[in-house]
């Protein structure tokens, strides 16, 4: 269910992904990518919203597998591939990891609420129409009501995967896509415009 991108989502070309790899080599000759460099590569700057910055910080943290506050080239390649081309299950597993800020393998309401609030703000600031009239609190309560089968106040990875794959509303509200393909293409267009202004 839902494993292919929406028809309205533009396809990210392989050449664009290769350009990100080249940027890594230019920006990080040491082979280590820090958060501020990661933000720069993805077009986050002082004009970006706090929600966009928080989203990228969460992405960075989720891909820093060895928790050394840097991404090496392999971590970076995995990040780019997953966000722009990963399968639904891979994205859901990764989304769960982003939600799980304390790394205990279970999501509590505070963890879910934090990410839902960021996503809600990004979606409401985007050019697209609002996707829901629900508040982040209502979304969080509904997620727990639908997914937390054993009612222990926590969501396991299994509950997360099963719920998201069986219910489109849950899938839309749990995945961290926030249309990354469209967002990535938009960032590339902004960067191209900015470069053209310099010349």
C-alpha atoms as a PDB file:
ATOM      1  CA  UNK A   1       0.000   0.000   0.000  1.00  0.00           C
ATOM      2  CA  UNK A   2       1.319   3.440  -0.930  1.00  0.00           C
ATOM      3  CA  UNK A   3       4.825   2.265  -1.819  1.00  0.00           C
ATOM      4  CA  UNK A   4       5.111   4.421  -4.912  1.00  0.00           C
ATOM      5  CA  UNK A   5       5.328   8.172  -4.863  1.00  0.00           C
ATOM      6  CA  UNK A   6       2.258  10.217  -5.516  1.00  0.00           C
ATOM      7  CA  UNK A   7       1.747  11.317  -9.108  1.00  0.00           C
ATOM      8  CA  UNK A   8       1.998  14.930  -7.951  1.00  0.00           C
ATOM      9  CA  UNK A   9       5.426  14.316  -6.439  1.00  0.00           C
ATOM     10  CA  UNK A  10       8.194  15.100  -8.900  1.00  0.00           C
ATOM     11  CA  UNK A  11      10.870  12.471  -9.426  1.00  0.00           C
ATOM     12  CA  UNK A  12      14.325  13.242  -8.101  1.00  0.00           C
ATOM     13  CA  UNK A  13      16.797  12.521 -10.855  1.00  0.00           C
ATOM     14  CA  UNK A  14      19.862  10.401 -10.218  1.00  0.00           C
ATOM     15  CA  UNK A  15      21.978  13.337 -11.390  1.00  0.00           C
ATOM     16  CA  UNK A  16      20.549  15.462  -8.557  1.00  0.00           C
ATOM     17  CA  UNK A  17      21.496  12.812  -6.003  1.00  0.00           C
ATOM     18  CA  UNK A  18      24.968  12.614  -7.554  1.00  0.00           C
ATOM     19  CA  UNK A  19      25.224  16.394  -7.148  1.00  0.00           C
ATOM     20  CA  UNK A  20      24.602  15.980  -3.422  1.00  0.00           C
ATOM     21  CA  UNK A  21      27.426  13.445  -3.259  1.00  0.00           C
ATOM     22  CA  UNK A  22      29.720  15.947  -5.011  1.00  0.00           C
ATOM     23  CA  UNK A  23      28.679  18.617  -2.509  1.00  0.00           C
ATOM     24  CA  UNK A  24      29.700  16.293   0.295  1.00  0.00           C
ATOM     25  CA  UNK A  25      33.196  15.941  -1.147  1.00  0.00           C
ATOM     26  CA  UNK A  26      33.553  19.724  -1.626  1.00  0.00           C
ATOM     27  CA  UNK A  27      32.049  20.744   1.726  1.00  0.00           C
ATOM     28  CA  UNK A  28      33.703  17.984   3.742  1.00  0.00           C
ATOM     29  CA  UNK A  29      37.189  17.175   2.491  1.00  0.00           C
ATOM     30  CA  UNK A  30      37.866  15.644   5.919  1.00  0.00           C
ATOM     31  CA  UNK A  31      35.164  13.069   5.250  1.00  0.00           C
ATOM     32  CA  UNK A  32      33.070  14.199   8.253  1.00  0.00           C
ATOM     33  CA  UNK A  33      29.900  16.243   7.891  1.00  0.00           C
ATOM     34  CA  UNK A  34      28.786  18.409  10.829  1.00  0.00           C
ATOM     35  CA  UNK A  35      25.240  19.661  11.437  1.00  0.00           C
ATOM     36  CA  UNK A  36      25.908  23.184  10.123  1.00  0.00           C
ATOM     37  CA  UNK A  37      27.356  21.713   6.915  1.00  0.00           C
ATOM     38  CA  UNK A  38      24.406  19.311   6.580  1.00  0.00           C
ATOM     39  CA  UNK A  39      22.033  22.278   6.876  1.00  0.00           C
ATOM     40  CA  UNK A  40      23.982  24.166   4.205  1.00  0.00           C
ATOM     41  CA  UNK A  41      23.857  21.235   1.768  1.00  0.00           C
ATOM     42  CA  UNK A  42      20.074  20.981   2.193  1.00  0.00           C
ATOM     43  CA  UNK A  43      19.551  24.731   1.802  1.00  0.00           C
ATOM     44  CA  UNK A  44      18.756  25.584   5.423  1.00  0.00           C
ATOM     45  CA  UNK A  45      19.922  29.096   6.276  1.00  0.00           C
ATOM     46  CA  UNK A  46      18.870  32.166   8.262  1.00  0.00           C
ATOM     47  CA  UNK A  47      15.830  32.590   5.973  1.00  0.00           C
ATOM     48  CA  UNK A  48      14.563  29.094   6.793  1.00  0.00           C
ATOM     49  CA  UNK A  49      11.763  28.607   9.282  1.00  0.00           C
ATOM     50  CA  UNK A  50      12.526  27.183  12.742  1.00  0.00           C
ATOM     51  CA  UNK A  51      10.465  24.139  11.753  1.00  0.00           C
ATOM     52  CA  UNK A  52      12.609  23.482   8.662  1.00  0.00           C
ATOM     53  CA  UNK A  53      15.751  23.788  10.797  1.00  0.00           C
ATOM     54  CA  UNK A  54      14.298  21.427  13.442  1.00  0.00           C
ATOM     55  CA  UNK A  55      13.318  18.934  10.729  1.00  0.00           C
ATOM     56  CA  UNK A  56      16.863  18.884   9.314  1.00  0.00           C
ATOM     57  CA  UNK A  57      18.345  18.583  12.832  1.00  0.00           C
ATOM     58  CA  UNK A  58      16.144  15.532  13.441  1.00  0.00           C
ATOM     59  CA  UNK A  59      17.206  14.075  10.086  1.00  0.00           C
ATOM     60  CA  UNK A  60      20.857  14.603  10.970  1.00  0.00           C
ATOM     61  CA  UNK A  61      20.475  12.982  14.401  1.00  0.00           C
ATOM     62  CA  UNK A  62      18.665   9.989  12.932  1.00  0.00           C
ATOM     63  CA  UNK A  63      21.466   9.306  10.446  1.00  0.00           C
ATOM     64  CA  UNK A  64      24.336   9.775  12.887  1.00  0.00           C
ATOM     65  CA  UNK A  65      24.463   6.040  13.535  1.00  0.00           C
ATOM     66  CA  UNK A  66      27.581   6.057  15.708  1.00  0.00           C
ATOM     67  CA  UNK A  67      26.404   9.187  17.586  1.00  0.00           C
ATOM     68  CA  UNK A  68      29.642  11.120  17.088  1.00  0.00           C
ATOM     69  CA  UNK A  69      27.835  14.345  16.019  1.00  0.00           C
ATOM     70  CA  UNK A  70      29.094  13.950  12.449  1.00  0.00           C
ATOM     71  CA  UNK A  71      28.058  11.995   9.392  1.00  0.00           C
ATOM     72  CA  UNK A  72      30.713  10.098   7.509  1.00  0.00           C
ATOM     73  CA  UNK A  73      30.273   9.504   3.791  1.00  0.00           C
ATOM     74  CA  UNK A  74      28.469   6.165   4.215  1.00  0.00           C
ATOM     75  CA  UNK A  75      26.011   7.633   6.728  1.00  0.00           C
ATOM     76  CA  UNK A  76      25.431  10.557   4.341  1.00  0.00           C
ATOM     77  CA  UNK A  77      24.842   8.303   1.319  1.00  0.00           C
ATOM     78  CA  UNK A  78      22.371   6.219   3.329  1.00  0.00           C
ATOM     79  CA  UNK A  79      20.573   9.396   4.433  1.00  0.00           C
ATOM     80  CA  UNK A  80      20.225  10.828   0.951  1.00  0.00           C
ATOM     81  CA  UNK A  81      19.127   7.536  -0.543  1.00  0.00           C
ATOM     82  CA  UNK A  82      16.538   6.825   2.153  1.00  0.00           C
ATOM     83  CA  UNK A  83      14.974  10.284   2.200  1.00  0.00           C
ATOM     84  CA  UNK A  84      14.794  10.628  -1.572  1.00  0.00           C
ATOM     85  CA  UNK A  85      14.345   7.061  -2.814  1.00  0.00           C
ATOM     86  CA  UNK A  86      13.699   4.673   0.103  1.00  0.00           C
ATOM     87  CA  UNK A  87      10.885   2.105   0.279  1.00  0.00           C
ATOM     88  CA  UNK A  88       7.820   2.690   2.434  1.00  0.00           C
ATOM     89  CA  UNK A  89       8.919   0.237   5.135  1.00  0.00           C
ATOM     90  CA  UNK A  90      12.435   1.720   5.229  1.00  0.00           C
ATOM     91  CA  UNK A  91      10.978   5.214   5.601  1.00  0.00           C
ATOM     92  CA  UNK A  92       8.631   4.047   8.355  1.00  0.00           C
ATOM     93  CA  UNK A  93      11.466   2.383  10.281  1.00  0.00           C
ATOM     94  CA  UNK A  94      13.520   5.544   9.889  1.00  0.00           C
ATOM     95  CA  UNK A  95      10.539   7.719  10.908  1.00  0.00           C
ATOM     96  CA  UNK A  96      10.179   5.617  14.055  1.00  0.00           C
ATOM     97  CA  UNK A  97      13.857   6.194  14.829  1.00  0.00           C
ATOM     98  CA  UNK A  98      13.422   9.964  14.449  1.00  0.00           C
ATOM     99  CA  UNK A  99      10.410   9.943  16.778  1.00  0.00           C
ATOM    100  CA  UNK A 100      12.297   7.809  19.319  1.00  0.00           C
ATOM    101  CA  UNK A 101      14.459  10.635  20.678  1.00  0.00           C
ATOM    102  CA  UNK A 102      15.628   8.691  23.750  1.00  0.00           C
ATOM    103  CA  UNK A 103      16.457   5.580  21.702  1.00  0.00           C
ATOM    104  CA  UNK A 104      14.610   3.109  23.938  1.00  0.00           C
ATOM    105  CA  UNK A 105      12.710   1.466  21.066  1.00  0.00           C
ATOM    106  CA  UNK A 106       9.306   2.746  22.238  1.00  0.00           C
ATOM    107  CA  UNK A 107       7.494   6.017  21.593  1.00  0.00           C
ATOM    108  CA  UNK A 108       5.786   7.934  24.372  1.00  0.00           C
ATOM    109  CA  UNK A 109       3.328  10.789  23.858  1.00  0.00           C
ATOM    110  CA  UNK A 110       5.975  13.460  24.465  1.00  0.00           C
ATOM    111  CA  UNK A 111       8.208  12.090  21.679  1.00  0.00           C
ATOM    112  CA  UNK A 112       5.326  11.784  19.208  1.00  0.00           C
ATOM    113  CA  UNK A 113       3.951  15.200  20.139  1.00  0.00           C
ATOM    114  CA  UNK A 114       7.324  16.884  19.525  1.00  0.00           C
ATOM    115  CA  UNK A 115       7.617  15.573  15.946  1.00  0.00           C
ATOM    116  CA  UNK A 116       3.906  15.998  15.134  1.00  0.00           C
ATOM    117  CA  UNK A 117       4.164  19.657  16.181  1.00  0.00           C
ATOM    118  CA  UNK A 118       7.138  20.226  13.849  1.00  0.00           C
ATOM    119  CA  UNK A 119       5.386  18.480  10.933  1.00  0.00           C
ATOM    120  CA  UNK A 120       2.159  20.386  11.604  1.00  0.00           C
ATOM    121  CA  UNK A 121       3.983  23.735  11.497  1.00  0.00           C
ATOM    122  CA  UNK A 122       5.874  22.844   8.308  1.00  0.00           C
ATOM    123  CA  UNK A 123       2.686  21.706   6.582  1.00  0.00           C
ATOM    124  CA  UNK A 124       0.802  24.824   7.650  1.00  0.00           C
ATOM    125  CA  UNK A 125       3.601  27.100   6.393  1.00  0.00           C
ATOM    126  CA  UNK A 126       3.902  25.327   3.047  1.00  0.00           C
ATOM    127  CA  UNK A 127       2.182  26.557  -0.075  1.00  0.00           C
ATOM    128  CA  UNK A 128      -0.127  23.546  -0.106  1.00  0.00           C
ATOM    129  CA  UNK A 129      -3.544  23.767   1.546  1.00  0.00           C
ATOM    130  CA  UNK A 130      -3.793  22.654   5.151  1.00  0.00           C
ATOM    131  CA  UNK A 131      -3.998  18.896   5.304  1.00  0.00           C
ATOM    132  CA  UNK A 132      -5.987  18.694   8.526  1.00  0.00           C
ATOM    133  CA  UNK A 133      -8.092  20.824  10.812  1.00  0.00           C
ATOM    134  CA  UNK A 134      -6.853  18.849  13.816  1.00  0.00           C
ATOM    135  CA  UNK A 135      -4.391  20.327  16.294  1.00  0.00           C
ATOM    136  CA  UNK A 136      -1.116  18.528  17.031  1.00  0.00           C
ATOM    137  CA  UNK A 137      -2.611  17.393  20.370  1.00  0.00           C
ATOM    138  CA  UNK A 138      -5.648  15.901  18.628  1.00  0.00           C
ATOM    139  CA  UNK A 139      -3.435  14.207  16.027  1.00  0.00           C
ATOM    140  CA  UNK A 140      -1.243  12.730  18.782  1.00  0.00           C
ATOM    141  CA  UNK A 141      -4.266  11.489  20.755  1.00  0.00           C
ATOM    142  CA  UNK A 142      -5.775   9.922  17.637  1.00  0.00           C
ATOM    143  CA  UNK A 143      -2.468   8.226  16.743  1.00  0.00           C
ATOM    144  CA  UNK A 144      -2.236   6.668  20.194  1.00  0.00           C
ATOM    145  CA  UNK A 145      -5.900   5.675  20.096  1.00  0.00           C
ATOM    146  CA  UNK A 146      -5.417   3.837  16.801  1.00  0.00           C
ATOM    147  CA  UNK A 147      -1.939   2.356  17.257  1.00  0.00           C
ATOM    148  CA  UNK A 148      -1.366   1.685  20.948  1.00  0.00           C
ATOM    149  CA  UNK A 149      -3.164  -1.665  20.867  1.00  0.00           C
ATOM    150  CA  UNK A 150      -2.182  -2.769  24.362  1.00  0.00           C
ATOM    151  CA  UNK A 151      -2.946   0.697  25.818  1.00  0.00           C
ATOM    152  CA  UNK A 152       0.346   0.918  27.729  1.00  0.00           C
ATOM    153  CA  UNK A 153       0.927   4.548  26.716  1.00  0.00           C
ATOM    154  CA  UNK A 154       3.794   3.624  24.385  1.00  0.00           C
ATOM    155  CA  UNK A 155       4.073   2.626  20.737  1.00  0.00           C
ATOM    156  CA  UNK A 156       6.401  -0.206  19.743  1.00  0.00           C
ATOM    157  CA  UNK A 157       8.057  -0.425  16.327  1.00  0.00           C
ATOM    158  CA  UNK A 158       5.690  -3.277  15.433  1.00  0.00           C
ATOM    159  CA  UNK A 159       2.599  -1.240  16.381  1.00  0.00           C
ATOM    160  CA  UNK A 160       4.000   1.732  14.427  1.00  0.00           C
ATOM    161  CA  UNK A 161       4.664  -0.285  11.253  1.00  0.00           C
ATOM    162  CA  UNK A 162       1.392  -2.197  11.385  1.00  0.00           C
ATOM    163  CA  UNK A 163      -0.729   0.868  12.072  1.00  0.00           C
ATOM    164  CA  UNK A 164       0.863   3.004   9.379  1.00  0.00           C
ATOM    165  CA  UNK A 165       0.599   0.296   6.737  1.00  0.00           C
ATOM    166  CA  UNK A 166      -3.052  -0.464   7.498  1.00  0.00           C
ATOM    167  CA  UNK A 167      -4.478   3.053   7.810  1.00  0.00           C
ATOM    168  CA  UNK A 168      -3.889   5.834   5.264  1.00  0.00           C
ATOM    169  CA  UNK A 169      -4.579   8.613   7.805  1.00  0.00           C
ATOM    170  CA  UNK A 170      -1.965   7.134  10.138  1.00  0.00           C
ATOM    171  CA  UNK A 171       0.501   6.727   7.288  1.00  0.00           C
ATOM    172  CA  UNK A 172       0.042  10.362   6.259  1.00  0.00           C
ATOM    173  CA  UNK A 173       0.496  11.587   9.821  1.00  0.00           C
ATOM    174  CA  UNK A 174       3.345   9.307  10.922  1.00  0.00           C
ATOM    175  CA  UNK A 175       5.710   9.400   7.974  1.00  0.00           C
ATOM    176  CA  UNK A 176       8.219  12.210   8.030  1.00  0.00           C
ATOM    177  CA  UNK A 177       8.112  12.754   4.304  1.00  0.00           C
ATOM    178  CA  UNK A 178       6.561  16.235   4.386  1.00  0.00           C
ATOM    179  CA  UNK A 179       7.039  15.806   0.632  1.00  0.00           C
ATOM    180  CA  UNK A 180      10.865  15.611   0.780  1.00  0.00           C
ATOM    181  CA  UNK A 181      11.151  15.104  -2.952  1.00  0.00           C
ATOM    182  CA  UNK A 182       9.269  18.303  -3.705  1.00  0.00           C
ATOM    183  CA  UNK A 183      11.061  20.107  -0.888  1.00  0.00           C
ATOM    184  CA  UNK A 184      14.450  18.918  -2.195  1.00  0.00           C
ATOM    185  CA  UNK A 185      13.649  20.053  -5.754  1.00  0.00           C
ATOM    186  CA  UNK A 186      12.479  23.426  -4.417  1.00  0.00           C
ATOM    187  CA  UNK A 187      15.743  23.833  -2.466  1.00  0.00           C
ATOM    188  CA  UNK A 188      17.717  23.023  -5.632  1.00  0.00           C
ATOM    189  CA  UNK A 189      15.751  25.657  -7.588  1.00  0.00           C
ATOM    190  CA  UNK A 190      16.398  28.278  -4.877  1.00  0.00           C
ATOM    191  CA  UNK A 191      20.106  27.479  -4.949  1.00  0.00           C
ATOM    192  CA  UNK A 192      20.219  27.783  -8.745  1.00  0.00           C
ATOM    193  CA  UNK A 193      18.435  31.144  -8.608  1.00  0.00           C
ATOM    194  CA  UNK A 194      20.835  32.324  -5.924  1.00  0.00           C
ATOM    195  CA  UNK A 195      23.870  31.283  -8.033  1.00  0.00           C
ATOM    196  CA  UNK A 196      22.453  33.067 -11.090  1.00  0.00           C
ATOM    197  CA  UNK A 197      22.079  36.292  -9.082  1.00  0.00           C
ATOM    198  CA  UNK A 198      25.793  36.202  -8.310  1.00  0.00           C
ATOM    199  CA  UNK A 199      26.723  36.254 -11.999  1.00  0.00           C
END
